[in-house]
C-alpha atoms as a PDB file:
ATOM      1  CA  MET A   1       0.017   0.269  -0.037  1.00  0.00           C
ATOM      2  CA  PHE A   2       3.018   2.091   1.028  1.00  0.00           C
ATOM      3  CA  ALA A   3       4.603   1.929  -2.558  1.00  0.00           C
ATOM      4  CA  VAL A   4       0.682   2.521  -4.431  1.00  0.00           C
ATOM      5  CA  VAL A   5       0.219   5.541  -2.611  1.00  0.00           C
ATOM      6  CA  PHE A   6       3.465   7.117  -3.366  1.00  0.00           C
ATOM      7  CA  LEU A   7       3.864   6.112  -6.730  1.00  0.00           C
ATOM      8  CA  LEU A   8       0.455   7.809  -7.472  1.00  0.00           C
ATOM      9  CA  ASP A   9       0.692  10.878  -5.641  1.00  0.00           C
ATOM     10  CA  GLN A  10       3.712  11.587  -7.027  1.00  0.00           C
ATOM     11  CA  VAL A  11       2.479  10.522 -11.072  1.00  0.00           C
ATOM     12  CA  THR A  12      -0.838  12.799  -9.796  1.00  0.00           C
ATOM     13  CA  LYS A  13       1.649  15.613  -8.538  1.00  0.00           C
ATOM     14  CA  LEU A  14       3.488  15.533 -11.942  1.00  0.00           C
ATOM     15  CA  LEU A  15       0.903  15.303 -14.378  1.00  0.00           C
ATOM     16  CA  ALA A  16      -0.747  18.076 -12.390  1.00  0.00           C
ATOM     17  CA  ALA A  17       1.791  20.633 -12.385  1.00  0.00           C
ATOM     18  CA  ARG A  18       2.360  19.972 -16.503  1.00  0.00           C
ATOM     19  CA  PHE A  19      -0.833  19.677 -17.597  1.00  0.00           C
ATOM     20  CA  LEU A  20      -3.141  22.242 -15.702  1.00  0.00           C
ATOM     21  CA  ALA A  21      -1.961  25.450 -16.590  1.00  0.00           C
ATOM     22  CA  GLU A  22      -5.548  25.955 -16.484  1.00  0.00           C
ATOM     23  CA  PRO A  23      -8.196  25.410 -13.985  1.00  0.00           C
ATOM     24  CA  GLN A  24     -10.763  22.233 -15.086  1.00  0.00           C
ATOM     25  CA  THR A  25     -14.130  21.500 -13.838  1.00  0.00           C
ATOM     26  CA  LEU A  26     -14.686  17.899 -13.572  1.00  0.00           C
ATOM     27  CA  ILE A  27     -18.194  18.484 -12.037  1.00  0.00           C
ATOM     28  CA  PRO A  28     -19.343  21.643 -11.935  1.00  0.00           C
ATOM     29  CA  GLY A  29     -20.109  23.602  -8.551  1.00  0.00           C
ATOM     30  CA  PHE A  30     -18.398  20.589  -7.355  1.00  0.00           C
ATOM     31  CA  LEU A  31     -15.197  19.585  -8.423  1.00  0.00           C
ATOM     32  CA  ARG A  32     -12.349  21.066 -10.302  1.00  0.00           C
ATOM     33  CA  LEU A  33      -8.896  20.607 -10.668  1.00  0.00           C
ATOM     34  CA  VAL A  34      -6.121  23.677 -10.376  1.00  0.00           C
ATOM     35  CA  VAL A  35      -2.911  23.652  -9.081  1.00  0.00           C
ATOM     36  CA  ALA A  36      -1.857  25.134  -6.170  1.00  0.00           C
ATOM     37  CA  TYR A  37       1.372  25.708  -3.986  1.00  0.00           C
ATOM     38  CA  ASN A  38       1.236  24.937  -0.664  1.00  0.00           C
ATOM     39  CA  ASP A  39       3.968  25.434   2.073  1.00  0.00           C
ATOM     40  CA  GLY A  40       2.356  24.671   4.856  1.00  0.00           C
ATOM     41  CA  ALA A  41       0.164  21.712   6.093  1.00  0.00           C
ATOM     42  CA  ALA A  42      -3.351  20.853   5.588  1.00  0.00           C
ATOM     43  CA  TRP A  43      -5.228  24.067   5.226  1.00  0.00           C
ATOM     44  CA  ASN A  44      -2.042  26.055   4.937  1.00  0.00           C
ATOM     45  CA  LEU A  45      -0.893  25.725   8.505  1.00  0.00           C
ATOM     46  CA  LEU A  46       2.373  26.218   9.377  1.00  0.00           C
ATOM     47  CA  SER A  47       3.122  27.564   6.505  1.00  0.00           C
ATOM     48  CA  GLY A  48       6.714  28.531   6.602  1.00  0.00           C
ATOM     49  CA  ARG A  49       7.719  26.046   8.292  1.00  0.00           C
ATOM     50  CA  ARG A  50       9.172  23.906   5.959  1.00  0.00           C
ATOM     51  CA  PHE A  51      11.812  22.347   8.227  1.00  0.00           C
ATOM     52  CA  PHE A  52      10.014  21.495  11.134  1.00  0.00           C
ATOM     53  CA  LEU A  53       7.190  19.531   8.973  1.00  0.00           C
ATOM     54  CA  ILE A  54      10.072  18.115   7.335  1.00  0.00           C
ATOM     55  CA  ALA A  55      11.291  16.958  11.263  1.00  0.00           C
ATOM     56  CA  LEU A  56       7.632  16.044  11.690  1.00  0.00           C
ATOM     57  CA  SER A  57       7.101  13.665   9.155  1.00  0.00           C
ATOM     58  CA  ILE A  58      10.396  11.928   9.449  1.00  0.00           C
ATOM     59  CA  MET A  59       9.655  11.431  13.381  1.00  0.00           C
ATOM     60  CA  ALA A  60       6.424   9.751  12.575  1.00  0.00           C
ATOM     61  CA  LEU A  61       8.013   7.651  10.004  1.00  0.00           C
ATOM     62  CA  LEU A  62      10.815   6.444  12.187  1.00  0.00           C
ATOM     63  CA  LEU A  63       8.385   5.852  15.183  1.00  0.00           C
ATOM     64  CA  GLY A  64       6.223   3.808  12.618  1.00  0.00           C
ATOM     65  CA  PHE A  65       9.275   1.739  12.006  1.00  0.00           C
ATOM     66  CA  PHE A  66      10.250   1.462  15.700  1.00  0.00           C
ATOM     67  CA  PHE A  67       6.826   0.392  16.788  1.00  0.00           C
ATOM     68  CA  ARG A  68       6.058  -1.731  13.642  1.00  0.00           C
ATOM     69  CA  LYS A  69       5.515  -4.468  16.309  1.00  0.00           C
ATOM     70  CA  ARG A  70       2.935  -2.796  18.509  1.00  0.00           C
ATOM     71  CA  LEU A  71       1.240  -1.726  15.587  1.00  0.00           C
ATOM     72  CA  GLY A  72       0.330  -5.379  14.495  1.00  0.00           C
ATOM     73  CA  PHE A  73       1.768  -5.224  11.398  1.00  0.00           C
ATOM     74  CA  GLU A  74       1.111  -9.123  10.819  1.00  0.00           C
ATOM     75  CA  TYR A  75      -2.856  -7.796  10.078  1.00  0.00           C
ATOM     76  CA  LEU A  76      -4.036  -7.137   6.835  1.00  0.00           C
ATOM     77  CA  ALA A  77      -6.417  -3.905   7.895  1.00  0.00           C
ATOM     78  CA  ASN A  78      -3.198  -2.447  10.010  1.00  0.00           C
ATOM     79  CA  GLN A  79      -1.183  -2.878   7.305  1.00  0.00           C
ATOM     80  CA  ILE A  80      -2.914  -1.178   4.886  1.00  0.00           C
ATOM     81  CA  ALA A  81      -3.889   1.782   7.251  1.00  0.00           C
ATOM     82  CA  ILE A  82       0.014   2.393   8.597  1.00  0.00           C
ATOM     83  CA  GLY A  83       0.619   2.023   4.650  1.00  0.00           C
ATOM     84  CA  LEU A  84      -1.539   5.093   3.722  1.00  0.00           C
ATOM     85  CA  VAL A  85      -0.326   7.265   6.445  1.00  0.00           C
ATOM     86  CA  CYS A  86       2.809   6.315   5.371  1.00  0.00           C
ATOM     87  CA  GLY A  87       2.737   6.544   1.942  1.00  0.00           C
ATOM     88  CA  GLY A  88       0.821   9.918   1.850  1.00  0.00           C
ATOM     89  CA  LEU A  89       3.591  11.242   4.851  1.00  0.00           C
ATOM     90  CA  MET A  90       6.359   9.858   2.025  1.00  0.00           C
ATOM     91  CA  GLY A  91       5.017  11.622  -0.667  1.00  0.00           C
ATOM     92  CA  ASN A  92       4.833  15.050   1.232  1.00  0.00           C
ATOM     93  CA  LEU A  93       8.133  14.738   2.387  1.00  0.00           C
ATOM     94  CA  LEU A  94       9.407  13.955  -0.631  1.00  0.00           C
ATOM     95  CA  ASP A  95       7.728  17.666  -2.033  1.00  0.00           C
ATOM     96  CA  ARG A  96       9.133  19.597   0.710  1.00  0.00           C
ATOM     97  CA  LEU A  97      12.842  18.035   0.261  1.00  0.00           C
ATOM     98  CA  ARG A  98      12.899  18.624  -2.951  1.00  0.00           C
ATOM     99  CA  THR A  99      10.699  21.674  -3.538  1.00  0.00           C
ATOM    100  CA  GLY A 100      10.356  23.562  -0.499  1.00  0.00           C
ATOM    101  CA  PHE A 101       6.136  22.741  -1.026  1.00  0.00           C
ATOM    102  CA  VAL A 102       3.683  20.261  -2.227  1.00  0.00           C
ATOM    103  CA  ILE A 103       1.348  20.348  -4.952  1.00  0.00           C
ATOM    104  CA  ASP A 104      -2.483  20.478  -4.418  1.00  0.00           C
ATOM    105  CA  PHE A 105      -4.896  20.148  -6.863  1.00  0.00           C
ATOM    106  CA  ILE A 106      -8.677  18.628  -5.937  1.00  0.00           C
ATOM    107  CA  ASP A 107     -10.192  21.280  -5.505  1.00  0.00           C
ATOM    108  CA  ILE A 108     -13.520  20.760  -4.052  1.00  0.00           C
ATOM    109  CA  HIS A 109     -16.704  22.611  -2.930  1.00  0.00           C
ATOM    110  CA  LEU A 110     -19.529  21.246  -0.888  1.00  0.00           C
ATOM    111  CA  ALA A 111     -22.366  24.336  -1.107  1.00  0.00           C
ATOM    112  CA  LEU A 112     -20.910  27.159  -0.277  1.00  0.00           C
ATOM    113  CA  TYR A 113     -18.210  25.880   1.484  1.00  0.00           C
ATOM    114  CA  HIS A 114     -15.111  25.856  -0.431  1.00  0.00           C
ATOM    115  CA  TRP A 115     -12.544  22.671   0.971  1.00  0.00           C
ATOM    116  CA  PRO A 116      -9.639  23.299   0.702  1.00  0.00           C
ATOM    117  CA  THR A 117      -7.401  22.199  -1.959  1.00  0.00           C
ATOM    118  CA  PHE A 118      -5.473  18.400  -1.648  1.00  0.00           C
ATOM    119  CA  ASN A 119      -3.498  16.092  -3.176  1.00  0.00           C
ATOM    120  CA  VAL A 120      -3.237  12.373  -3.180  1.00  0.00           C
ATOM    121  CA  ALA A 121      -0.909  11.859  -0.214  1.00  0.00           C
ATOM    122  CA  ASP A 122      -3.099  14.378   1.761  1.00  0.00           C
ATOM    123  CA  SER A 123      -6.473  12.413   1.412  1.00  0.00           C
ATOM    124  CA  ALA A 124      -4.127   8.809   1.996  1.00  0.00           C
ATOM    125  CA  LEU A 125      -2.948  10.329   5.313  1.00  0.00           C
ATOM    126  CA  CYS A 126      -6.443  11.364   6.407  1.00  0.00           C
ATOM    127  CA  ILE A 127      -8.187   8.060   5.267  1.00  0.00           C
ATOM    128  CA  GLY A 128      -4.950   6.203   7.109  1.00  0.00           C
ATOM    129  CA  THR A 129      -5.651   8.137  10.594  1.00  0.00           C
ATOM    130  CA  VAL A 130      -9.196   7.189  10.664  1.00  0.00           C
ATOM    131  CA  LEU A 131      -8.747   3.647   9.628  1.00  0.00           C
ATOM    132  CA  ILE A 132      -6.078   3.809  12.879  1.00  0.00           C
ATOM    133  CA  ALA A 133      -8.534   5.353  14.528  1.00  0.00           C
ATOM    134  CA  PHE A 134     -10.670   2.849  14.708  1.00  0.00           C
ATOM    135  CA  TRP A 135      -8.776  -0.034  13.883  1.00  0.00           C
ATOM    136  CA  ASP A 136      -9.593  -3.285  16.287  1.00  0.00           C
ATOM    137  CA  HIS A 137      -5.687  -3.161  17.557  1.00  0.00           C
ATOM    138  CA  GLY A 138      -4.849  -6.593  16.628  1.00  0.00           C
ATOM    139  CA  LYS A 139      -8.227  -8.283  15.996  1.00  0.00           C
ATOM    140  CA  SER A 140      -8.325  -8.068  12.402  1.00  0.00           C
ATOM    141  CA  PRO A 141      -7.708 -11.045  10.366  1.00  0.00           C
ATOM    142  CA  LYS A 142      -4.460 -12.084   9.579  1.00  0.00           C
ATOM    143  CA  LYS A 143      -2.870 -11.245   5.374  1.00  0.00           C
END
């Protein structure tokens, strides 16, 4: 899961940066593709704190590695959740190391609310985190 998320994130960001010179509406009033450069975290929080975000990402990846036995990696559901989180972390980390920002391109509008623009890595991080919050801590079916 890690490799799938990481590669999908990097390929979609490359395609967005290369081919989205103008915003593209996919579903009018709901979904657009538009390139946005974000030097912060979610909702552009911690903007301008590149090295803090890099350190935080590296620390999270290292903690996952060192506590992998406790995280129940022998269970498929846990592997998927951790793979989503780590793939997302690594995708955005590589961007910050390479360019100092991440490329966001998925732009959602819900009625009058404009959701902050995001990318595949952000989606994987959120989904993986929710799965971790609700997993059954070792009672999942084994791989």
